[in-house]
Amino acid sequence: MTIGVPFDSVGRGGGTETAPGALRELGLPEALGARDEGDLPVRIRGAERDPDTGLLASADVLESTAQIRAAVATTIGAGERPFLLGGCCAELPGALAGARDALGAPLGLAHVDGHLDLYDGRTSTTGEAADMPIAVALGLGPAGWVEAAGGGAAVPERTALVGFRDRAESIADGMRQPEDLPRPPILHGAEELRARGVATAAAELAERLGGAPFWLHLDVDVLDQDVFPATDYLQPDGLDWDELAALLAPLGALEELVGASLACYNPDKDPGLEYGRRLVAALGGG
């Protein structure tokens, strides 16, 4: 089942909040063989950072998290597998919380993203919720958002951060580093993936995450900026389409995969929807 999450944590209209509609127009639900449930009634609006959470448009972020959490819990509770059409990465904490509510226990996570996303309300330079989803999922982000997301719904030792390339920037910003956490996650940066071979690393990751429920999150900025420029946070040295396919295939084949989310496609940067079409083809196996 596909569920649209039309929001963008920059706090204004346009951008990634238009992605669910564009992806529907391009036939992603049909490519996935999924029934489409339409969009959740979520938006993020505001230009001020909350003094307590450090979040931009904090009230909307927390309300959206509750909406996503309820929708995912209902879907999984009904025996279906949700696929969230984002939107930005701020959808992830609510998705994990809903999965945990339905399953009764925290779960694993394959976070395929060009960024580590371990900022909090203090270290984020923008206050955008999309900076912080892994911190929140592990119970380390802004307290109000962590509470809204159930106190941390991912198991640190079964949380894999895959494809990141922002190490130097995040250190300069003062972001907590994954190795410094009491229970460090699994790390597979883009450079390491290539050194080991993407297919080999993906098979090993599938073996580690298999055996218990896990969620798969894909931020399109894991792709190289020249391969997929229709996103807001461009970086070089990312994956190409073949590498992405090799990474996702063994994870997507696991029975323990309980749900997935897609984030950070910006149709405003894709006037002819060329890159959206390529993304739909890649996710649909075309």
C-alpha atoms as a PDB file:
ATOM      1  CA  MET A   1       0.000   0.000   0.000  1.00  0.00           C
ATOM      2  CA  THR A   2       1.325   3.469  -0.858  1.00  0.00           C
ATOM      3  CA  ILE A   3       0.618   6.421   1.432  1.00  0.00           C
ATOM      4  CA  GLY A   4       1.542   9.975   0.439  1.00  0.00           C
ATOM      5  CA  VAL A   5       3.326  12.210   2.954  1.00  0.00           C
ATOM      6  CA  PRO A   6       3.275  15.618   1.240  1.00  0.00           C
ATOM      7  CA  PHE A   7       5.519  17.757   3.402  1.00  0.00           C
ATOM      8  CA  ASP A   8       8.857  19.519   3.363  1.00  0.00           C
ATOM      9  CA  SER A   9      10.583  20.519   6.594  1.00  0.00           C
ATOM     10  CA  VAL A  10      11.885  23.779   5.112  1.00  0.00           C
ATOM     11  CA  GLY A  11       8.533  25.110   6.336  1.00  0.00           C
ATOM     12  CA  ARG A  12       7.049  26.480   3.107  1.00  0.00           C
ATOM     13  CA  GLY A  13       5.105  25.238   0.113  1.00  0.00           C
ATOM     14  CA  GLY A  14       6.488  23.457  -2.924  1.00  0.00           C
ATOM     15  CA  GLY A  15       9.629  21.363  -2.967  1.00  0.00           C
ATOM     16  CA  THR A  16       9.418  17.798  -1.723  1.00  0.00           C
ATOM     17  CA  GLU A  17       5.821  18.180  -0.583  1.00  0.00           C
ATOM     18  CA  THR A  18       4.848  17.924  -4.268  1.00  0.00           C
ATOM     19  CA  ALA A  19       6.640  14.584  -4.684  1.00  0.00           C
ATOM     20  CA  PRO A  20       3.733  12.245  -3.802  1.00  0.00           C
ATOM     21  CA  GLY A  21       1.542  13.783  -6.486  1.00  0.00           C
ATOM     22  CA  ALA A  22       4.294  13.670  -9.084  1.00  0.00           C
ATOM     23  CA  LEU A  23       5.173  10.064  -8.279  1.00  0.00           C
ATOM     24  CA  ARG A  24       1.533   9.061  -8.600  1.00  0.00           C
ATOM     25  CA  GLU A  25       1.330  10.818 -11.945  1.00  0.00           C
ATOM     26  CA  LEU A  26       4.353   8.838 -13.047  1.00  0.00           C
ATOM     27  CA  GLY A  27       2.782   5.546 -11.964  1.00  0.00           C
ATOM     28  CA  LEU A  28       4.866   4.539  -8.949  1.00  0.00           C
ATOM     29  CA  PRO A  29       2.011   2.751  -7.105  1.00  0.00           C
ATOM     30  CA  GLU A  30       1.307   0.664 -10.212  1.00  0.00           C
ATOM     31  CA  ALA A  31       5.025  -0.038 -10.714  1.00  0.00           C
ATOM     32  CA  LEU A  32       5.163  -1.351  -7.154  1.00  0.00           C
ATOM     33  CA  GLY A  33       1.981  -3.367  -7.595  1.00  0.00           C
ATOM     34  CA  ALA A  34       0.494  -1.450  -4.657  1.00  0.00           C
ATOM     35  CA  ARG A  35      -2.893   0.024  -3.825  1.00  0.00           C
ATOM     36  CA  ASP A  36      -2.685   3.791  -3.348  1.00  0.00           C
ATOM     37  CA  GLU A  37      -4.343   5.246  -0.252  1.00  0.00           C
ATOM     38  CA  GLY A  38      -3.809   8.898  -1.187  1.00  0.00           C
ATOM     39  CA  ASP A  39      -2.144  11.560   0.927  1.00  0.00           C
ATOM     40  CA  LEU A  40      -2.128  12.097   4.662  1.00  0.00           C
ATOM     41  CA  PRO A  41      -3.374  15.563   5.747  1.00  0.00           C
ATOM     42  CA  VAL A  42       0.092  16.809   6.691  1.00  0.00           C
ATOM     43  CA  ARG A  43       1.979  20.018   5.967  1.00  0.00           C
ATOM     44  CA  ILE A  44       4.910  21.818   7.606  1.00  0.00           C
ATOM     45  CA  ARG A  45       4.610  25.582   7.670  1.00  0.00           C
ATOM     46  CA  GLY A  46       6.597  28.173   9.565  1.00  0.00           C
ATOM     47  CA  ALA A  47       9.819  30.175   9.582  1.00  0.00           C
ATOM     48  CA  GLU A  48      10.577  30.182  13.330  1.00  0.00           C
ATOM     49  CA  ARG A  49      12.569  27.684  15.367  1.00  0.00           C
ATOM     50  CA  ASP A  50      10.943  26.501  18.563  1.00  0.00           C
ATOM     51  CA  PRO A  51      13.093  27.415  21.599  1.00  0.00           C
ATOM     52  CA  ASP A  52      12.486  24.038  23.258  1.00  0.00           C
ATOM     53  CA  THR A  53      12.878  21.574  20.378  1.00  0.00           C
ATOM     54  CA  GLY A  54      15.025  23.705  18.063  1.00  0.00           C
ATOM     55  CA  LEU A  55      12.735  22.613  15.237  1.00  0.00           C
ATOM     56  CA  LEU A  56      11.451  24.802  12.455  1.00  0.00           C
ATOM     57  CA  ALA A  57       7.632  24.750  12.546  1.00  0.00           C
ATOM     58  CA  SER A  58       7.797  22.413  15.526  1.00  0.00           C
ATOM     59  CA  ALA A  59       4.050  22.047  16.079  1.00  0.00           C
ATOM     60  CA  ASP A  60       3.492  20.880  12.500  1.00  0.00           C
ATOM     61  CA  VAL A  61       6.380  18.412  12.721  1.00  0.00           C
ATOM     62  CA  LEU A  62       4.948  16.842  15.871  1.00  0.00           C
ATOM     63  CA  GLU A  63       1.394  16.710  14.506  1.00  0.00           C
ATOM     64  CA  SER A  64       2.611  15.196  11.229  1.00  0.00           C
ATOM     65  CA  THR A  65       4.568  12.582  13.189  1.00  0.00           C
ATOM     66  CA  ALA A  66       1.387  11.584  15.012  1.00  0.00           C
ATOM     67  CA  GLN A  67      -0.536  11.307  11.721  1.00  0.00           C
ATOM     68  CA  ILE A  68       2.160   9.154  10.101  1.00  0.00           C
ATOM     69  CA  ARG A  69       2.484   6.999  13.210  1.00  0.00           C
ATOM     70  CA  ALA A  70      -1.238   6.247  13.278  1.00  0.00           C
ATOM     71  CA  ALA A  71      -1.434   5.486   9.546  1.00  0.00           C
ATOM     72  CA  VAL A  72       1.526   3.107   9.592  1.00  0.00           C
ATOM     73  CA  ALA A  73       0.302   1.322  12.722  1.00  0.00           C
ATOM     74  CA  THR A  74      -3.124   0.809  11.153  1.00  0.00           C
ATOM     75  CA  THR A  75      -1.669  -0.465   7.880  1.00  0.00           C
ATOM     76  CA  ILE A  76       0.715  -2.961   9.454  1.00  0.00           C
ATOM     77  CA  GLY A  77      -1.936  -4.000  11.971  1.00  0.00           C
ATOM     78  CA  ALA A  78      -4.155  -4.898   9.026  1.00  0.00           C
ATOM     79  CA  GLY A  79      -1.452  -7.188   7.663  1.00  0.00           C
ATOM     80  CA  GLU A  80      -0.294  -4.873   4.880  1.00  0.00           C
ATOM     81  CA  ARG A  81       3.108  -3.409   4.070  1.00  0.00           C
ATOM     82  CA  PRO A  82       3.168   0.415   3.816  1.00  0.00           C
ATOM     83  CA  PHE A  83       5.309   2.322   1.337  1.00  0.00           C
ATOM     84  CA  LEU A  84       5.466   6.029   2.195  1.00  0.00           C
ATOM     85  CA  LEU A  85       5.731   8.418  -0.734  1.00  0.00           C
ATOM     86  CA  GLY A  86       7.583  11.392   0.766  1.00  0.00           C
ATOM     87  CA  GLY A  87       8.040  14.180   1.251  1.00  0.00           C
ATOM     88  CA  CYS A  88      11.204  14.641   3.240  1.00  0.00           C
ATOM     89  CA  CYS A  89      13.056  12.444   5.721  1.00  0.00           C
ATOM     90  CA  ALA A  90      11.075  13.895   8.629  1.00  0.00           C
ATOM     91  CA  GLU A  91       8.533  11.148   7.850  1.00  0.00           C
ATOM     92  CA  LEU A  92      10.819   8.439   9.241  1.00  0.00           C
ATOM     93  CA  PRO A  93      10.374   8.776  13.047  1.00  0.00           C
ATOM     94  CA  GLY A  94       6.586   8.564  12.751  1.00  0.00           C
ATOM     95  CA  ALA A  95       6.840   5.587  10.408  1.00  0.00           C
ATOM     96  CA  LEU A  96       9.100   3.682  12.785  1.00  0.00           C
ATOM     97  CA  ALA A  97       6.900   4.568  15.756  1.00  0.00           C
ATOM     98  CA  GLY A  98       3.825   3.255  13.942  1.00  0.00           C
ATOM     99  CA  ALA A  99       5.596   0.029  12.998  1.00  0.00           C
ATOM    100  CA  ARG A 100       6.736  -0.441  16.593  1.00  0.00           C
ATOM    101  CA  ASP A 101       3.175   0.204  17.846  1.00  0.00           C
ATOM    102  CA  ALA A 102       1.814  -2.475  15.511  1.00  0.00           C
ATOM    103  CA  LEU A 103       4.555  -5.023  16.151  1.00  0.00           C
ATOM    104  CA  GLY A 104       4.955  -4.474  19.884  1.00  0.00           C
ATOM    105  CA  ALA A 105       8.748  -4.057  19.825  1.00  0.00           C
ATOM    106  CA  PRO A 106      11.452  -1.789  18.359  1.00  0.00           C
ATOM    107  CA  LEU A 107      12.725  -2.798  14.941  1.00  0.00           C
ATOM    108  CA  GLY A 108      15.735  -2.627  12.668  1.00  0.00           C
ATOM    109  CA  LEU A 109      16.345   0.038  10.051  1.00  0.00           C
ATOM    110  CA  ALA A 110      18.215   0.243   6.767  1.00  0.00           C
ATOM    111  CA  HIS A 111      18.709   3.996   6.287  1.00  0.00           C
ATOM    112  CA  VAL A 112      19.940   4.495   2.704  1.00  0.00           C
ATOM    113  CA  ASP A 113      20.826   8.181   2.604  1.00  0.00           C
ATOM    114  CA  GLY A 114      23.614  10.557   1.631  1.00  0.00           C
ATOM    115  CA  HIS A 115      23.527  11.931   5.181  1.00  0.00           C
ATOM    116  CA  LEU A 116      23.901  10.523   8.692  1.00  0.00           C
ATOM    117  CA  ASP A 117      20.917  12.578   9.974  1.00  0.00           C
ATOM    118  CA  LEU A 118      22.073  12.614  13.605  1.00  0.00           C
ATOM    119  CA  TYR A 119      21.666  16.335  14.193  1.00  0.00           C
ATOM    120  CA  ASP A 120      19.464  17.654  16.986  1.00  0.00           C
ATOM    121  CA  GLY A 121      17.772  20.952  17.756  1.00  0.00           C
ATOM    122  CA  ARG A 122      21.067  22.476  18.847  1.00  0.00           C
ATOM    123  CA  THR A 123      23.529  21.224  16.244  1.00  0.00           C
ATOM    124  CA  SER A 124      21.293  21.579  13.184  1.00  0.00           C
ATOM    125  CA  THR A 125      22.210  24.805  11.416  1.00  0.00           C
ATOM    126  CA  THR A 126      18.707  25.129   9.908  1.00  0.00           C
ATOM    127  CA  GLY A 127      16.308  23.567  12.385  1.00  0.00           C
ATOM    128  CA  GLU A 128      14.842  21.458   9.597  1.00  0.00           C
ATOM    129  CA  ALA A 129      13.377  18.212  10.885  1.00  0.00           C
ATOM    130  CA  ALA A 130      14.978  16.368   7.959  1.00  0.00           C
ATOM    131  CA  ASP A 131      18.367  16.895   9.653  1.00  0.00           C
ATOM    132  CA  MET A 132      17.377  14.795  12.662  1.00  0.00           C
ATOM    133  CA  PRO A 133      15.387  11.602  11.924  1.00  0.00           C
ATOM    134  CA  ILE A 134      18.035   9.102  13.013  1.00  0.00           C
ATOM    135  CA  ALA A 135      18.656  10.991  16.255  1.00  0.00           C
ATOM    136  CA  VAL A 136      14.912  10.887  16.961  1.00  0.00           C
ATOM    137  CA  ALA A 137      14.568   7.229  15.953  1.00  0.00           C
ATOM    138  CA  LEU A 138      17.291   6.338  18.449  1.00  0.00           C
ATOM    139  CA  GLY A 139      15.751   8.474  21.209  1.00  0.00           C
ATOM    140  CA  LEU A 140      18.468  11.145  21.071  1.00  0.00           C
ATOM    141  CA  GLY A 141      16.824  14.060  19.242  1.00  0.00           C
ATOM    142  CA  PRO A 142      14.681  16.943  20.535  1.00  0.00           C
ATOM    143  CA  ALA A 143      12.757  15.652  23.551  1.00  0.00           C
ATOM    144  CA  GLY A 144       9.328  16.734  22.295  1.00  0.00           C
ATOM    145  CA  TRP A 145       9.812  14.985  18.973  1.00  0.00           C
ATOM    146  CA  VAL A 146      11.279  11.869  20.594  1.00  0.00           C
ATOM    147  CA  GLU A 147       8.182  11.692  22.798  1.00  0.00           C
ATOM    148  CA  ALA A 148       5.868  12.081  19.787  1.00  0.00           C
ATOM    149  CA  ALA A 149       7.768   9.252  18.083  1.00  0.00           C
ATOM    150  CA  GLY A 150       7.391   6.883  21.007  1.00  0.00           C
ATOM    151  CA  GLY A 151      10.730   7.362  22.739  1.00  0.00           C
ATOM    152  CA  GLY A 152      12.873   5.842  20.007  1.00  0.00           C
ATOM    153  CA  ALA A 153      11.567   3.002  17.858  1.00  0.00           C
ATOM    154  CA  ALA A 154      14.757   1.645  16.255  1.00  0.00           C
ATOM    155  CA  VAL A 155      17.239  -0.818  17.752  1.00  0.00           C
ATOM    156  CA  PRO A 156      20.675   0.880  17.527  1.00  0.00           C
ATOM    157  CA  GLU A 157      22.585  -2.338  16.808  1.00  0.00           C
ATOM    158  CA  ARG A 158      20.154  -3.125  13.973  1.00  0.00           C
ATOM    159  CA  THR A 159      20.173   0.385  12.521  1.00  0.00           C
ATOM    160  CA  ALA A 160      22.337   0.562   9.402  1.00  0.00           C
ATOM    161  CA  LEU A 161      23.394   3.954   8.036  1.00  0.00           C
ATOM    162  CA  VAL A 162      24.202   3.287   4.397  1.00  0.00           C
ATOM    163  CA  GLY A 163      25.614   5.500   1.646  1.00  0.00           C
ATOM    164  CA  PHE A 164      26.390   8.624   3.685  1.00  0.00           C
ATOM    165  CA  ARG A 165      28.951  11.154   2.456  1.00  0.00           C
ATOM    166  CA  ASP A 166      28.606  14.075   4.896  1.00  0.00           C
ATOM    167  CA  ARG A 167      31.137  13.076   7.538  1.00  0.00           C
ATOM    168  CA  ALA A 168      33.358  16.172   7.265  1.00  0.00           C
ATOM    169  CA  GLU A 169      30.430  18.604   7.191  1.00  0.00           C
ATOM    170  CA  SER A 170      28.708  16.982  10.157  1.00  0.00           C
ATOM    171  CA  ILE A 171      31.880  17.046  12.252  1.00  0.00           C
ATOM    172  CA  ALA A 172      32.373  20.732  11.461  1.00  0.00           C
ATOM    173  CA  ASP A 173      28.786  21.436  12.574  1.00  0.00           C
ATOM    174  CA  GLY A 174      29.315  19.642  15.889  1.00  0.00           C
ATOM    175  CA  MET A 175      26.846  16.837  15.133  1.00  0.00           C
ATOM    176  CA  ARG A 176      27.182  13.756  17.326  1.00  0.00           C
ATOM    177  CA  GLN A 177      29.005  11.033  15.436  1.00  0.00           C
ATOM    178  CA  PRO A 178      27.643   7.492  15.284  1.00  0.00           C
ATOM    179  CA  GLU A 179      30.764   5.930  16.783  1.00  0.00           C
ATOM    180  CA  ASP A 180      30.274   8.051  19.901  1.00  0.00           C
ATOM    181  CA  LEU A 181      26.845   6.637  20.697  1.00  0.00           C
ATOM    182  CA  PRO A 182      26.572   4.186  23.630  1.00  0.00           C
ATOM    183  CA  ARG A 183      25.220   1.564  21.203  1.00  0.00           C
ATOM    184  CA  PRO A 184      26.700   2.420  17.784  1.00  0.00           C
ATOM    185  CA  PRO A 185      24.776   1.628  14.597  1.00  0.00           C
ATOM    186  CA  ILE A 186      26.063  -0.323  11.607  1.00  0.00           C
ATOM    187  CA  LEU A 187      27.991   1.960   9.235  1.00  0.00           C
ATOM    188  CA  HIS A 188      28.394   1.571   5.489  1.00  0.00           C
ATOM    189  CA  GLY A 189      29.427   4.911   3.995  1.00  0.00           C
ATOM    190  CA  ALA A 190      29.510   5.319   0.224  1.00  0.00           C
ATOM    191  CA  GLU A 191      33.305   4.978   0.129  1.00  0.00           C
ATOM    192  CA  GLU A 192      33.185   1.774   2.150  1.00  0.00           C
ATOM    193  CA  LEU A 193      30.412   0.338  -0.036  1.00  0.00           C
ATOM    194  CA  ARG A 194      32.570   0.746  -3.108  1.00  0.00           C
ATOM    195  CA  ALA A 195      35.701  -0.595  -1.424  1.00  0.00           C
ATOM    196  CA  ARG A 196      33.911  -3.783  -0.370  1.00  0.00           C
ATOM    197  CA  GLY A 197      31.717  -4.048  -3.441  1.00  0.00           C
ATOM    198  CA  VAL A 198      28.111  -2.842  -3.215  1.00  0.00           C
ATOM    199  CA  ALA A 199      26.561  -6.242  -3.887  1.00  0.00           C
ATOM    200  CA  THR A 200      28.761  -7.935  -1.273  1.00  0.00           C
ATOM    201  CA  ALA A 201      28.059  -5.286   1.346  1.00  0.00           C
ATOM    202  CA  ALA A 202      24.322  -5.423   0.599  1.00  0.00           C
ATOM    203  CA  ALA A 203      24.225  -9.205   1.008  1.00  0.00           C
ATOM    204  CA  GLU A 204      26.016  -8.951   4.354  1.00  0.00           C
ATOM    205  CA  LEU A 205      23.660  -6.196   5.467  1.00  0.00           C
ATOM    206  CA  ALA A 206      20.618  -8.268   4.512  1.00  0.00           C
ATOM    207  CA  GLU A 207      22.001 -11.143   6.565  1.00  0.00           C
ATOM    208  CA  ARG A 208      22.446  -8.875   9.593  1.00  0.00           C
ATOM    209  CA  LEU A 209      18.989  -7.294   9.356  1.00  0.00           C
ATOM    210  CA  GLY A 210      17.129 -10.448   8.412  1.00  0.00           C
ATOM    211  CA  GLY A 211      15.572 -12.611  11.093  1.00  0.00           C
ATOM    212  CA  ALA A 212      13.576  -9.804  12.721  1.00  0.00           C
ATOM    213  CA  PRO A 213      11.355  -6.954  11.457  1.00  0.00           C
ATOM    214  CA  PHE A 214      13.041  -3.944   9.870  1.00  0.00           C
ATOM    215  CA  TRP A 215      12.151  -0.800   7.916  1.00  0.00           C
ATOM    216  CA  LEU A 216      13.824   0.439   4.712  1.00  0.00           C
ATOM    217  CA  HIS A 217      14.212   4.179   4.133  1.00  0.00           C
ATOM    218  CA  LEU A 218      15.537   5.586   0.846  1.00  0.00           C
ATOM    219  CA  ASP A 219      16.574   9.222   0.467  1.00  0.00           C
ATOM    220  CA  VAL A 220      17.294   9.883  -3.198  1.00  0.00           C
ATOM    221  CA  ASP A 221      20.322  12.012  -2.303  1.00  0.00           C
ATOM    222  CA  VAL A 222      22.210   8.755  -1.763  1.00  0.00           C
ATOM    223  CA  LEU A 223      22.580   8.978  -5.548  1.00  0.00           C
ATOM    224  CA  ASP A 224      25.365  11.080  -7.022  1.00  0.00           C
ATOM    225  CA  GLN A 225      24.442  14.679  -7.819  1.00  0.00           C
ATOM    226  CA  ASP A 226      25.063  14.098 -11.523  1.00  0.00           C
ATOM    227  CA  VAL A 227      22.956  10.947 -11.519  1.00  0.00           C
ATOM    228  CA  PHE A 228      19.992  12.512  -9.703  1.00  0.00           C
ATOM    229  CA  PRO A 229      20.018  16.313  -9.491  1.00  0.00           C
ATOM    230  CA  ALA A 230      16.308  16.597  -8.610  1.00  0.00           C
ATOM    231  CA  THR A 231      16.895  16.867  -4.875  1.00  0.00           C
ATOM    232  CA  ASP A 232      17.789  19.677  -2.499  1.00  0.00           C
ATOM    233  CA  TYR A 233      21.068  18.540  -0.927  1.00  0.00           C
ATOM    234  CA  LEU A 234      23.440  17.668  -3.721  1.00  0.00           C
ATOM    235  CA  GLN A 235      26.719  15.860  -3.081  1.00  0.00           C
ATOM    236  CA  PRO A 236      29.331  14.250  -5.319  1.00  0.00           C
ATOM    237  CA  ASP A 237      30.618  10.687  -5.045  1.00  0.00           C
ATOM    238  CA  GLY A 238      27.196   9.103  -4.562  1.00  0.00           C
ATOM    239  CA  LEU A 239      25.816   5.884  -5.965  1.00  0.00           C
ATOM    240  CA  ASP A 240      24.787   5.313  -9.555  1.00  0.00           C
ATOM    241  CA  TRP A 241      21.607   3.520 -10.604  1.00  0.00           C
ATOM    242  CA  ASP A 242      23.230   0.094 -10.895  1.00  0.00           C
ATOM    243  CA  GLU A 243      24.793   0.424  -7.457  1.00  0.00           C
ATOM    244  CA  LEU A 244      21.474   1.476  -5.957  1.00  0.00           C
ATOM    245  CA  ALA A 245      19.760  -1.545  -7.495  1.00  0.00           C
ATOM    246  CA  ALA A 246      22.462  -3.856  -6.151  1.00  0.00           C
ATOM    247  CA  LEU A 247      22.040  -2.342  -2.694  1.00  0.00           C
ATOM    248  CA  LEU A 248      18.243  -2.479  -2.527  1.00  0.00           C
ATOM    249  CA  ALA A 249      17.610  -5.870  -4.132  1.00  0.00           C
ATOM    250  CA  PRO A 250      18.603  -8.162  -1.219  1.00  0.00           C
ATOM    251  CA  LEU A 251      16.941  -5.896   1.347  1.00  0.00           C
ATOM    252  CA  GLY A 252      13.697  -5.665  -0.592  1.00  0.00           C
ATOM    253  CA  ALA A 253      13.565  -9.446  -0.962  1.00  0.00           C
ATOM    254  CA  LEU A 254      13.549 -10.130   2.792  1.00  0.00           C
ATOM    255  CA  GLU A 255      10.291 -11.309   4.340  1.00  0.00           C
ATOM    256  CA  GLU A 256      11.164  -9.359   7.488  1.00  0.00           C
ATOM    257  CA  LEU A 257      10.808  -6.027   5.649  1.00  0.00           C
ATOM    258  CA  VAL A 258       7.682  -4.523   7.230  1.00  0.00           C
ATOM    259  CA  GLY A 259       7.585  -1.192   5.387  1.00  0.00           C
ATOM    260  CA  ALA A 260       9.525   1.353   3.389  1.00  0.00           C
ATOM    261  CA  SER A 261       9.720   5.089   2.808  1.00  0.00           C
ATOM    262  CA  LEU A 262      11.001   7.265  -0.014  1.00  0.00           C
ATOM    263  CA  ALA A 263      12.145  10.839   0.497  1.00  0.00           C
ATOM    264  CA  CYS A 264      13.660  14.007  -0.918  1.00  0.00           C
ATOM    265  CA  TYR A 265      12.651  13.888  -4.572  1.00  0.00           C
ATOM    266  CA  ASN A 266      11.929  17.509  -5.537  1.00  0.00           C
ATOM    267  CA  PRO A 267       9.822  17.780  -8.719  1.00  0.00           C
ATOM    268  CA  ASP A 268      10.398  21.543  -8.775  1.00  0.00           C
ATOM    269  CA  LYS A 269      13.969  20.688  -9.838  1.00  0.00           C
ATOM    270  CA  ASP A 270      12.774  18.207 -12.451  1.00  0.00           C
ATOM    271  CA  PRO A 271      10.663  20.257 -14.944  1.00  0.00           C
ATOM    272  CA  GLY A 272      10.234  17.416 -17.430  1.00  0.00           C
ATOM    273  CA  LEU A 273       9.996  14.771 -14.672  1.00  0.00           C
ATOM    274  CA  GLU A 274      12.870  12.930 -16.361  1.00  0.00           C
ATOM    275  CA  TYR A 275      14.487  11.951 -13.079  1.00  0.00           C
ATOM    276  CA  GLY A 276      11.161  11.053 -11.531  1.00  0.00           C
ATOM    277  CA  ARG A 277      10.565   8.609 -14.374  1.00  0.00           C
ATOM    278  CA  ARG A 278      13.977   7.073 -13.842  1.00  0.00           C
ATOM    279  CA  LEU A 279      13.271   6.716 -10.135  1.00  0.00           C
ATOM    280  CA  VAL A 280       9.938   4.997 -10.764  1.00  0.00           C
ATOM    281  CA  ALA A 281      11.593   2.614 -13.210  1.00  0.00           C
ATOM    282  CA  ALA A 282      14.339   1.798 -10.719  1.00  0.00           C
ATOM    283  CA  LEU A 283      11.939   1.126  -7.843  1.00  0.00           C
ATOM    284  CA  GLY A 284       9.561  -0.833 -10.035  1.00  0.00           C
ATOM    285  CA  GLY A 285      12.320  -3.070 -11.368  1.00  0.00           C
ATOM    286  CA  GLY A 286      12.245  -1.524 -14.841  1.00  0.00           C
END
